[in-house]
Amino acid sequence: DDEIWLAGDANLQQIERLKKEEVWAIVAEAFNDKG
């Protein structure tokens, strides 16, 4: 309802539990050296 759980893809245990208002932005696009 008012909470979001986040995890880094490489993290093996850690999960961050946040209020929705703590999220600032969304990744719209991503690029590496290949494109």
Full PDB file with SEQRES, HELIX, SHEET, SSBOND, CRYST1, ORIGX, SCALE, CONECT and MASTER records, all heavy atoms in Angstrom:
SEQRES   1 A   35  ASP ASP GLU ILE TRP LEU ALA GLY ASP ALA ASN LEU GLN          
SEQRES   2 A   35  GLN ILE GLU ARG LEU LYS LYS GLU GLU VAL TRP ALA ILE          
SEQRES   3 A   35  VAL ALA GLU ALA PHE ASN ASP LYS GLY                          
HELIX    1 AA1 LYS A   20  GLU A   22  5                                   3    
SHEET    1 AA1 2 GLU A   3  LEU A   6  0                                        
SHEET    2 AA1 2 GLU A  16  LYS A  19 -1                                        
CRYST1    1.000    1.000    1.000  90.00  90.00  90.00 P 1           1          
ORIGX1      1.000000  0.000000  0.000000        0.00000                         
ORIGX2      0.000000  1.000000  0.000000        0.00000                         
ORIGX3      0.000000  0.000000  1.000000        0.00000                         
SCALE1      1.000000  0.000000  0.000000        0.00000                         
SCALE2      0.000000  1.000000  0.000000        0.00000                         
SCALE3      0.000000  0.000000  1.000000        0.00000                         
ATOM      1  N   ASP A   1       0.808  -1.222   0.000  1.00  0.00           N  
ATOM      2  CA  ASP A   1       0.000   0.000   0.000  1.00  0.00           C  
ATOM      3  C   ASP A   1       0.841   1.272   0.000  1.00  0.00           C  
ATOM      4  O   ASP A   1       0.758   2.073  -0.909  1.00  0.00           O  
ATOM      5  CB  ASP A   1      -0.957   0.016   1.189  1.00  0.00           C  
ATOM      6  CG  ASP A   1      -2.040  -1.044   1.061  1.00  0.00           C  
ATOM      7  OD1 ASP A   1      -2.368  -1.420  -0.084  1.00  0.00           O  
ATOM      8  OD2 ASP A   1      -2.535  -1.507   2.098  1.00  0.00           O  
ATOM      9  N   ASP A   2       1.633   1.468   1.046  1.00  0.00           N  
ATOM     10  CA  ASP A   2       2.437   2.679   1.133  1.00  0.00           C  
ATOM     11  C   ASP A   2       3.931   2.385   1.190  1.00  0.00           C  
ATOM     12  O   ASP A   2       4.732   3.255   1.480  1.00  0.00           O  
ATOM     13  CB  ASP A   2       2.021   3.506   2.353  1.00  0.00           C  
ATOM     14  CG  ASP A   2       2.260   2.779   3.667  1.00  0.00           C  
ATOM     15  OD1 ASP A   2       2.357   1.538   3.642  1.00  0.00           O  
ATOM     16  OD2 ASP A   2       2.343   3.456   4.712  1.00  0.00           O  
ATOM     17  N   GLU A   3       4.307   1.157   0.897  1.00  0.00           N  
ATOM     18  CA  GLU A   3       5.699   0.731   1.037  1.00  0.00           C  
ATOM     19  C   GLU A   3       6.172   0.025  -0.237  1.00  0.00           C  
ATOM     20  O   GLU A   3       5.391  -0.647  -0.902  1.00  0.00           O  
ATOM     21  CB  GLU A   3       5.800  -0.216   2.233  1.00  0.00           C  
ATOM     22  CG  GLU A   3       7.207  -0.525   2.667  1.00  0.00           C  
ATOM     23  CD  GLU A   3       7.239  -1.378   3.926  1.00  0.00           C  
ATOM     24  OE1 GLU A   3       6.805  -2.541   3.878  1.00  0.00           O  
ATOM     25  OE2 GLU A   3       7.708  -0.874   4.954  1.00  0.00           O  
ATOM     26  N   ILE A   4       7.451   0.210  -0.516  1.00  0.00           N  
ATOM     27  CA  ILE A   4       8.092  -0.456  -1.651  1.00  0.00           C  
ATOM     28  C   ILE A   4       9.330  -1.158  -1.135  1.00  0.00           C  
ATOM     29  O   ILE A   4      10.050  -0.621  -0.296  1.00  0.00           O  
ATOM     30  CB  ILE A   4       8.502   0.578  -2.721  1.00  0.00           C  
ATOM     31  CG1 ILE A   4       7.270   1.205  -3.335  1.00  0.00           C  
ATOM     32  CG2 ILE A   4       9.354  -0.053  -3.803  1.00  0.00           C  
ATOM     33  CD1 ILE A   4       7.584   2.221  -4.385  1.00  0.00           C  
ATOM     34  N   TRP A   5       9.562  -2.358  -1.648  1.00  0.00           N  
ATOM     35  CA  TRP A   5      10.779  -3.086  -1.302  1.00  0.00           C  
ATOM     36  C   TRP A   5      11.690  -3.055  -2.509  1.00  0.00           C  
ATOM     37  O   TRP A   5      11.274  -3.344  -3.628  1.00  0.00           O  
ATOM     38  CB  TRP A   5      10.465  -4.527  -0.929  1.00  0.00           C  
ATOM     39  CG  TRP A   5       9.659  -4.681   0.328  1.00  0.00           C  
ATOM     40  CD1 TRP A   5       8.949  -3.727   0.998  1.00  0.00           C  
ATOM     41  CD2 TRP A   5       9.465  -5.901   1.042  1.00  0.00           C  
ATOM     42  NE1 TRP A   5       8.329  -4.270   2.088  1.00  0.00           N  
ATOM     43  CE2 TRP A   5       8.629  -5.603   2.139  1.00  0.00           C  
ATOM     44  CE3 TRP A   5       9.922  -7.194   0.857  1.00  0.00           C  
ATOM     45  CZ2 TRP A   5       8.243  -6.575   3.060  1.00  0.00           C  
ATOM     46  CZ3 TRP A   5       9.528  -8.150   1.771  1.00  0.00           C  
ATOM     47  CH2 TRP A   5       8.709  -7.849   2.863  1.00  0.00           C  
ATOM     48  N   LEU A   6      12.958  -2.725  -2.248  1.00  0.00           N  
ATOM     49  CA  LEU A   6      13.966  -2.662  -3.309  1.00  0.00           C  
ATOM     50  C   LEU A   6      15.093  -3.635  -2.996  1.00  0.00           C  
ATOM     51  O   LEU A   6      15.379  -3.908  -1.831  1.00  0.00           O  
ATOM     52  CB  LEU A   6      14.563  -1.253  -3.408  1.00  0.00           C  
ATOM     53  CG  LEU A   6      13.620  -0.080  -3.615  1.00  0.00           C  
ATOM     54  CD1 LEU A   6      14.401   1.218  -3.656  1.00  0.00           C  
ATOM     55  CD2 LEU A   6      12.813  -0.258  -4.885  1.00  0.00           C  
ATOM     56  N   ALA A   7      15.723  -4.117  -4.044  1.00  0.00           N  
ATOM     57  CA  ALA A   7      16.908  -4.962  -3.878  1.00  0.00           C  
ATOM     58  C   ALA A   7      17.852  -4.709  -5.039  1.00  0.00           C  
ATOM     59  O   ALA A   7      17.412  -4.551  -6.178  1.00  0.00           O  
ATOM     60  CB  ALA A   7      16.519  -6.441  -3.830  1.00  0.00           C  
ATOM     61  N   GLY A   8      19.127  -4.661  -4.735  1.00  0.00           N  
ATOM     62  CA  GLY A   8      20.134  -4.610  -5.789  1.00  0.00           C  
ATOM     63  C   GLY A   8      20.247  -5.992  -6.409  1.00  0.00           C  
ATOM     64  O   GLY A   8      20.187  -7.002  -5.698  1.00  0.00           O  
ATOM     65  N   ASP A   9      20.385  -6.058  -7.714  1.00  0.00           N  
ATOM     66  CA  ASP A   9      20.440  -7.357  -8.390  1.00  0.00           C  
ATOM     67  C   ASP A   9      21.593  -8.222  -7.883  1.00  0.00           C  
ATOM     68  O   ASP A   9      21.472  -9.442  -7.815  1.00  0.00           O  
ATOM     69  CB  ASP A   9      20.555  -7.162  -9.909  1.00  0.00           C  
ATOM     70  CG  ASP A   9      19.282  -6.596 -10.515  1.00  0.00           C  
ATOM     71  OD1 ASP A   9      18.194  -6.803  -9.941  1.00  0.00           O  
ATOM     72  OD2 ASP A   9      19.375  -5.943 -11.570  1.00  0.00           O  
ATOM     73  N   ALA A  10      22.699  -7.615  -7.503  1.00  0.00           N  
ATOM     74  CA  ALA A  10      23.853  -8.384  -7.037  1.00  0.00           C  
ATOM     75  C   ALA A  10      23.805  -8.673  -5.541  1.00  0.00           C  
ATOM     76  O   ALA A  10      24.559  -9.509  -5.049  1.00  0.00           O  
ATOM     77  CB  ALA A  10      25.150  -7.644  -7.370  1.00  0.00           C  
ATOM     78  N   ASN A  11      22.926  -7.990  -4.825  1.00  0.00           N  
ATOM     79  CA  ASN A  11      22.842  -8.193  -3.376  1.00  0.00           C  
ATOM     80  C   ASN A  11      22.265  -9.566  -3.069  1.00  0.00           C  
ATOM     81  O   ASN A  11      21.244  -9.947  -3.623  1.00  0.00           O  
ATOM     82  CB  ASN A  11      21.993  -7.106  -2.727  1.00  0.00           C  
ATOM     83  CG  ASN A  11      22.641  -5.739  -2.817  1.00  0.00           C  
ATOM     84  OD1 ASN A  11      23.779  -5.604  -3.249  1.00  0.00           O  
ATOM     85  ND2 ASN A  11      21.911  -4.728  -2.422  1.00  0.00           N  
ATOM     86  N   LEU A  12      22.890 -10.269  -2.163  1.00  0.00           N  
ATOM     87  CA  LEU A  12      22.451 -11.616  -1.826  1.00  0.00           C  
ATOM     88  C   LEU A  12      21.452 -11.655  -0.673  1.00  0.00           C  
ATOM     89  O   LEU A  12      20.764 -12.654  -0.494  1.00  0.00           O  
ATOM     90  CB  LEU A  12      23.654 -12.496  -1.503  1.00  0.00           C  
ATOM     91  CG  LEU A  12      24.608 -12.733  -2.674  1.00  0.00           C  
ATOM     92  CD1 LEU A  12      25.802 -13.566  -2.230  1.00  0.00           C  
ATOM     93  CD2 LEU A  12      23.886 -13.395  -3.829  1.00  0.00           C  
ATOM     94  N   GLN A  13      21.372 -10.598   0.126  1.00  0.00           N  
ATOM     95  CA  GLN A  13      20.460 -10.620   1.268  1.00  0.00           C  
ATOM     96  C   GLN A  13      19.690  -9.326   1.436  1.00  0.00           C  
ATOM     97  O   GLN A  13      18.510  -9.356   1.727  1.00  0.00           O  
ATOM     98  CB  GLN A  13      21.235 -10.917   2.557  1.00  0.00           C  
ATOM     99  CG  GLN A  13      21.809 -12.295   2.578  1.00  0.00           C  
ATOM    100  CD  GLN A  13      22.536 -12.586   3.868  1.00  0.00           C  
ATOM    101  OE1 GLN A  13      22.557 -11.801   4.787  1.00  0.00           O  
ATOM    102  NE2 GLN A  13      23.153 -13.751   3.937  1.00  0.00           N  
ATOM    103  N   GLN A  14      20.341  -8.205   1.287  1.00  0.00           N  
ATOM    104  CA  GLN A  14      19.765  -6.921   1.652  1.00  0.00           C  
ATOM    105  C   GLN A  14      18.535  -6.572   0.813  1.00  0.00           C  
ATOM    106  O   GLN A  14      18.530  -6.704  -0.397  1.00  0.00           O  
ATOM    107  CB  GLN A  14      20.819  -5.833   1.478  1.00  0.00           C  
ATOM    108  CG  GLN A  14      20.340  -4.460   1.867  1.00  0.00           C  
ATOM    109  CD  GLN A  14      21.443  -3.440   1.705  1.00  0.00           C  
ATOM    110  OE1 GLN A  14      22.603  -3.780   1.587  1.00  0.00           O  
ATOM    111  NE2 GLN A  14      21.072  -2.185   1.697  1.00  0.00           N  
ATOM    112  N   ILE A  15      17.508  -6.112   1.509  1.00  0.00           N  
ATOM    113  CA  ILE A  15      16.311  -5.558   0.884  1.00  0.00           C  
ATOM    114  C   ILE A  15      16.011  -4.254   1.601  1.00  0.00           C  
ATOM    115  O   ILE A  15      16.006  -4.197   2.827  1.00  0.00           O  
ATOM    116  CB  ILE A  15      15.101  -6.514   0.992  1.00  0.00           C  
ATOM    117  CG1 ILE A  15      15.360  -7.785   0.193  1.00  0.00           C  
ATOM    118  CG2 ILE A  15      13.820  -5.828   0.516  1.00  0.00           C  
ATOM    119  CD1 ILE A  15      14.255  -8.820   0.307  1.00  0.00           C  
ATOM    120  N   GLU A  16      15.777  -3.193   0.831  1.00  0.00           N  
ATOM    121  CA  GLU A  16      15.420  -1.905   1.419  1.00  0.00           C  
ATOM    122  C   GLU A  16      13.895  -1.766   1.405  1.00  0.00           C  
ATOM    123  O   GLU A  16      13.267  -2.000   0.378  1.00  0.00           O  
ATOM    124  CB  GLU A  16      16.040  -0.742   0.628  1.00  0.00           C  
ATOM    125  CG  GLU A  16      17.548  -0.716   0.637  1.00  0.00           C  
ATOM    126  CD  GLU A  16      18.194  -1.552  -0.451  1.00  0.00           C  
ATOM    127  OE1 GLU A  16      17.500  -1.950  -1.410  1.00  0.00           O  
ATOM    128  OE2 GLU A  16      19.402  -1.810  -0.344  1.00  0.00           O  
ATOM    129  N   ARG A  17      13.346  -1.403   2.546  1.00  0.00           N  
ATOM    130  CA  ARG A  17      11.901  -1.171   2.659  1.00  0.00           C  
ATOM    131  C   ARG A  17      11.693   0.330   2.835  1.00  0.00           C  
ATOM    132  O   ARG A  17      12.166   0.915   3.799  1.00  0.00           O  
ATOM    133  CB  ARG A  17      11.323  -1.928   3.838  1.00  0.00           C  
ATOM    134  CG  ARG A  17      11.433  -3.417   3.622  1.00  0.00           C  
ATOM    135  CD  ARG A  17      10.952  -4.191   4.805  1.00  0.00           C  
ATOM    136  NE  ARG A  17      11.106  -5.621   4.511  1.00  0.00           N  
ATOM    137  CZ  ARG A  17      11.084  -6.569   5.404  1.00  0.00           C  
ATOM    138  NH1 ARG A  17      10.905  -6.278   6.667  1.00  0.00           N  
ATOM    139  NH2 ARG A  17      11.237  -7.824   5.055  1.00  0.00           N  
ATOM    140  N   LEU A  18      10.996   0.926   1.877  1.00  0.00           N  
ATOM    141  CA  LEU A  18      10.860   2.378   1.834  1.00  0.00           C  
ATOM    142  C   LEU A  18       9.410   2.809   1.727  1.00  0.00           C  
ATOM    143  O   LEU A  18       8.565   2.064   1.239  1.00  0.00           O  
ATOM    144  CB  LEU A  18      11.569   2.949   0.595  1.00  0.00           C  
ATOM    145  CG  LEU A  18      12.926   2.461   0.205  1.00  0.00           C  
ATOM    146  CD1 LEU A  18      13.288   2.999  -1.153  1.00  0.00           C  
ATOM    147  CD2 LEU A  18      13.935   2.918   1.225  1.00  0.00           C  
ATOM    148  N   LYS A  19       9.170   4.039   2.107  1.00  0.00           N  
ATOM    149  CA  LYS A  19       7.899   4.685   1.799  1.00  0.00           C  
ATOM    150  C   LYS A  19       7.960   5.106   0.333  1.00  0.00           C  
ATOM    151  O   LYS A  19       9.022   5.436  -0.185  1.00  0.00           O  
ATOM    152  CB  LYS A  19       7.704   5.917   2.679  1.00  0.00           C  
ATOM    153  CG  LYS A  19       7.685   5.612   4.157  1.00  0.00           C  
ATOM    154  CD  LYS A  19       6.265   5.565   4.628  1.00  0.00           C  
ATOM    155  CE  LYS A  19       6.202   5.378   6.132  1.00  0.00           C  
ATOM    156  NZ  LYS A  19       5.475   4.222   6.507  1.00  0.00           N  
ATOM    157  N   LYS A  20       6.817   5.094  -0.330  1.00  0.00           N  
ATOM    158  CA  LYS A  20       6.774   5.441  -1.754  1.00  0.00           C  
ATOM    159  C   LYS A  20       7.360   6.831  -2.020  1.00  0.00           C  
ATOM    160  O   LYS A  20       7.990   7.049  -3.051  1.00  0.00           O  
ATOM    161  CB  LYS A  20       5.341   5.357  -2.287  1.00  0.00           C  
ATOM    162  CG  LYS A  20       4.863   3.935  -2.427  1.00  0.00           C  
ATOM    163  CD  LYS A  20       3.463   3.877  -2.995  1.00  0.00           C  
ATOM    164  CE  LYS A  20       3.032   2.424  -3.185  1.00  0.00           C  
ATOM    165  NZ  LYS A  20       1.655   2.325  -3.684  1.00  0.00           N  
ATOM    166  N   GLU A  21       7.175   7.753  -1.083  1.00  0.00           N  
ATOM    167  CA  GLU A  21       7.677   9.117  -1.309  1.00  0.00           C  
ATOM    168  C   GLU A  21       9.203   9.220  -1.253  1.00  0.00           C  
ATOM    169  O   GLU A  21       9.766  10.241  -1.627  1.00  0.00           O  
ATOM    170  CB  GLU A  21       7.025  10.126  -0.354  1.00  0.00           C  
ATOM    171  CG  GLU A  21       7.109   9.797   1.104  1.00  0.00           C  
ATOM    172  CD  GLU A  21       5.931   8.937   1.607  1.00  0.00           C  
ATOM    173  OE1 GLU A  21       5.098   8.475   0.810  1.00  0.00           O  
ATOM    174  OE2 GLU A  21       5.886   8.716   2.818  1.00  0.00           O  
ATOM    175  N   GLU A  22       9.883   8.177  -0.819  1.00  0.00           N  
ATOM    176  CA  GLU A  22      11.345   8.185  -0.802  1.00  0.00           C  
ATOM    177  C   GLU A  22      11.934   7.854  -2.178  1.00  0.00           C  
ATOM    178  O   GLU A  22      13.125   7.996  -2.396  1.00  0.00           O  
ATOM    179  CB  GLU A  22      11.872   7.191   0.231  1.00  0.00           C  
ATOM    180  CG  GLU A  22      11.554   7.590   1.662  1.00  0.00           C  
ATOM    181  CD  GLU A  22      12.005   6.558   2.664  1.00  0.00           C  
ATOM    182  OE1 GLU A  22      11.315   5.520   2.791  1.00  0.00           O  
ATOM    183  OE2 GLU A  22      13.050   6.785   3.318  1.00  0.00           O  
ATOM    184  N   VAL A  23      11.090   7.419  -3.098  1.00  0.00           N  
ATOM    185  CA  VAL A  23      11.541   7.121  -4.461  1.00  0.00           C  
ATOM    186  C   VAL A  23      11.482   8.408  -5.260  1.00  0.00           C  
ATOM    187  O   VAL A  23      10.445   9.056  -5.344  1.00  0.00           O  
ATOM    188  CB  VAL A  23      10.651   6.031  -5.110  1.00  0.00           C  
ATOM    189  CG1 VAL A  23      11.088   5.780  -6.542  1.00  0.00           C  
ATOM    190  CG2 VAL A  23      10.713   4.748  -4.306  1.00  0.00           C  
ATOM    191  N   TRP A  24      12.606   8.788  -5.850  1.00  0.00           N  
ATOM    192  CA  TRP A  24      12.723  10.056  -6.568  1.00  0.00           C  
ATOM    193  C   TRP A  24      12.513   9.922  -8.066  1.00  0.00           C  
ATOM    194  O   TRP A  24      11.993  10.810  -8.710  1.00  0.00           O  
ATOM    195  CB  TRP A  24      14.115  10.627  -6.372  1.00  0.00           C  
ATOM    196  CG  TRP A  24      14.383  11.260  -5.064  1.00  0.00           C  
ATOM    197  CD1 TRP A  24      13.611  11.241  -3.941  1.00  0.00           C  
ATOM    198  CD2 TRP A  24      15.546  11.996  -4.733  1.00  0.00           C  
ATOM    199  NE1 TRP A  24      14.229  11.931  -2.940  1.00  0.00           N  
ATOM    200  CE2 TRP A  24      15.419  12.411  -3.390  1.00  0.00           C  
ATOM    201  CE3 TRP A  24      16.693  12.357  -5.433  1.00  0.00           C  
ATOM    202  CZ2 TRP A  24      16.384  13.161  -2.749  1.00  0.00           C  
ATOM    203  CZ3 TRP A  24      17.651  13.099  -4.792  1.00  0.00           C  
ATOM    204  CH2 TRP A  24      17.496  13.495  -3.458  1.00  0.00           C  
ATOM    205  N   ALA A  25      13.028   8.830  -8.636  1.00  0.00           N  
ATOM    206  CA  ALA A  25      13.061   8.740 -10.102  1.00  0.00           C  
ATOM    207  C   ALA A  25      13.024   7.288 -10.539  1.00  0.00           C  
ATOM    208  O   ALA A  25      13.307   6.382  -9.755  1.00  0.00           O  
ATOM    209  CB  ALA A  25      14.325   9.410 -10.641  1.00  0.00           C  
ATOM    210  N   ILE A  26      12.691   7.111 -11.779  1.00  0.00           N  
ATOM    211  CA  ILE A  26      12.662   5.788 -12.408  1.00  0.00           C  
ATOM    212  C   ILE A  26      13.720   5.774 -13.504  1.00  0.00           C  
ATOM    213  O   ILE A  26      13.973   6.797 -14.132  1.00  0.00           O  
ATOM    214  CB  ILE A  26      11.254   5.490 -12.981  1.00  0.00           C  
ATOM    215  CG1 ILE A  26      11.115   4.039 -13.395  1.00  0.00           C  
ATOM    216  CG2 ILE A  26      10.903   6.359 -14.143  1.00  0.00           C  
ATOM    217  CD1 ILE A  26      10.604   3.174 -12.307  1.00  0.00           C  
ATOM    218  N   VAL A  27      14.350   4.631 -13.711  1.00  0.00           N  
ATOM    219  CA  VAL A  27      15.278   4.506 -14.835  1.00  0.00           C  
ATOM    220  C   VAL A  27      14.435   4.345 -16.095  1.00  0.00           C  
ATOM    221  O   VAL A  27      13.739   3.354 -16.260  1.00  0.00           O  
ATOM    222  CB  VAL A  27      16.241   3.314 -14.648  1.00  0.00           C  
ATOM    223  CG1 VAL A  27      17.062   3.083 -15.918  1.00  0.00           C  
ATOM    224  CG2 VAL A  27      17.159   3.551 -13.459  1.00  0.00           C  
ATOM    225  N   ALA A  28      14.481   5.351 -16.946  1.00  0.00           N  
ATOM    226  CA  ALA A  28      13.709   5.333 -18.192  1.00  0.00           C  
ATOM    227  C   ALA A  28      14.463   4.596 -19.290  1.00  0.00           C  
ATOM    228  O   ALA A  28      13.863   3.874 -20.089  1.00  0.00           O  
ATOM    229  CB  ALA A  28      13.399   6.763 -18.637  1.00  0.00           C  
ATOM    230  N   GLU A  29      15.780   4.780 -19.321  1.00  0.00           N  
ATOM    231  CA  GLU A  29      16.642   4.140 -20.321  1.00  0.00           C  
ATOM    232  C   GLU A  29      17.998   3.870 -19.691  1.00  0.00           C  
ATOM    233  O   GLU A  29      18.377   4.535 -18.731  1.00  0.00           O  
ATOM    234  CB  GLU A  29      16.848   5.045 -21.537  1.00  0.00           C  
ATOM    235  CG  GLU A  29      15.606   5.377 -22.317  1.00  0.00           C  
ATOM    236  CD  GLU A  29      15.922   6.330 -23.450  1.00  0.00           C  
ATOM    237  OE1 GLU A  29      16.134   7.529 -23.172  1.00  0.00           O  
ATOM    238  OE2 GLU A  29      15.977   5.855 -24.605  1.00  0.00           O  
ATOM    239  N   ALA A  30      18.726   2.926 -20.284  1.00  0.00           N  
ATOM    240  CA  ALA A  30      20.080   2.642 -19.812  1.00  0.00           C  
ATOM    241  C   ALA A  30      20.959   2.311 -21.007  1.00  0.00           C  
ATOM    242  O   ALA A  30      20.487   1.779 -22.022  1.00  0.00           O  
ATOM    243  CB  ALA A  30      20.067   1.482 -18.819  1.00  0.00           C  
ATOM    244  N   PHE A  31      22.249   2.628 -20.881  1.00  0.00           N  
ATOM    245  CA  PHE A  31      23.199   2.415 -21.969  1.00  0.00           C  
ATOM    246  C   PHE A  31      24.525   1.932 -21.412  1.00  0.00           C  
ATOM    247  O   PHE A  31      24.940   2.347 -20.334  1.00  0.00           O  
ATOM    248  CB  PHE A  31      23.446   3.727 -22.726  1.00  0.00           C  
ATOM    249  CG  PHE A  31      22.204   4.331 -23.300  1.00  0.00           C  
ATOM    250  CD1 PHE A  31      21.438   5.212 -22.553  1.00  0.00           C  
ATOM    251  CD2 PHE A  31      21.780   4.009 -24.581  1.00  0.00           C  
ATOM    252  CE1 PHE A  31      20.279   5.768 -23.067  1.00  0.00           C  
ATOM    253  CE2 PHE A  31      20.629   4.557 -25.109  1.00  0.00           C  
ATOM    254  CZ  PHE A  31      19.876   5.439 -24.349  1.00  0.00           C  
ATOM    255  N   ASN A  32      25.173   1.040 -22.152  1.00  0.00           N  
ATOM    256  CA  ASN A  32      26.551   0.669 -21.852  1.00  0.00           C  
ATOM    257  C   ASN A  32      27.389   0.986 -23.085  1.00  0.00           C  
ATOM    258  O   ASN A  32      26.898   1.622 -24.026  1.00  0.00           O  
ATOM    259  CB  ASN A  32      26.660  -0.796 -21.409  1.00  0.00           C  
ATOM    260  CG  ASN A  32      26.178  -1.774 -22.464  1.00  0.00           C  
ATOM    261  OD1 ASN A  32      26.143  -1.481 -23.660  1.00  0.00           O  
ATOM    262  ND2 ASN A  32      25.791  -2.957 -22.029  1.00  0.00           N  
ATOM    263  N   ASP A  33      28.632   0.529 -23.116  1.00  0.00           N  
ATOM    264  CA  ASP A  33      29.514   0.821 -24.248  1.00  0.00           C  
ATOM    265  C   ASP A  33      29.025   0.210 -25.557  1.00  0.00           C  
ATOM    266  O   ASP A  33      29.394   0.662 -26.632  1.00  0.00           O  
ATOM    267  CB  ASP A  33      30.940   0.336 -23.950  1.00  0.00           C  
ATOM    268  CG  ASP A  33      31.573   1.128 -22.821  1.00  0.00           C  
ATOM    269  OD1 ASP A  33      31.121   2.264 -22.548  1.00  0.00           O  
ATOM    270  OD2 ASP A  33      32.514   0.610 -22.200  1.00  0.00           O  
ATOM    271  N   LYS A  34      28.200  -0.821 -25.467  1.00  0.00           N  
ATOM    272  CA  LYS A  34      27.701  -1.493 -26.668  1.00  0.00           C  
ATOM    273  C   LYS A  34      26.407  -0.884 -27.194  1.00  0.00           C  
ATOM    274  O   LYS A  34      25.955  -1.229 -28.268  1.00  0.00           O  
ATOM    275  CB  LYS A  34      27.490  -2.976 -26.378  1.00  0.00           C  
ATOM    276  CG  LYS A  34      28.769  -3.704 -26.026  1.00  0.00           C  
ATOM    277  CD  LYS A  34      28.487  -5.128 -25.633  1.00  0.00           C  
ATOM    278  CE  LYS A  34      29.768  -5.780 -25.125  1.00  0.00           C  
ATOM    279  NZ  LYS A  34      29.517  -7.072 -24.507  1.00  0.00           N  
ATOM    280  N   GLY A  35      25.758  -0.035 -26.398  1.00  0.00           N  
ATOM    281  CA  GLY A  35      24.503   0.572 -26.828  1.00  0.00           C  
ATOM    282  C   GLY A  35      23.445   0.521 -25.749  1.00  0.00           C  
ATOM    283  O   GLY A  35      23.739   0.469 -24.563  1.00  0.00           O  
TER     284      GLY A  35                                                      
MASTER        0    0    0    1    2    0    0    6  283    1    0    3          
END                                                                             
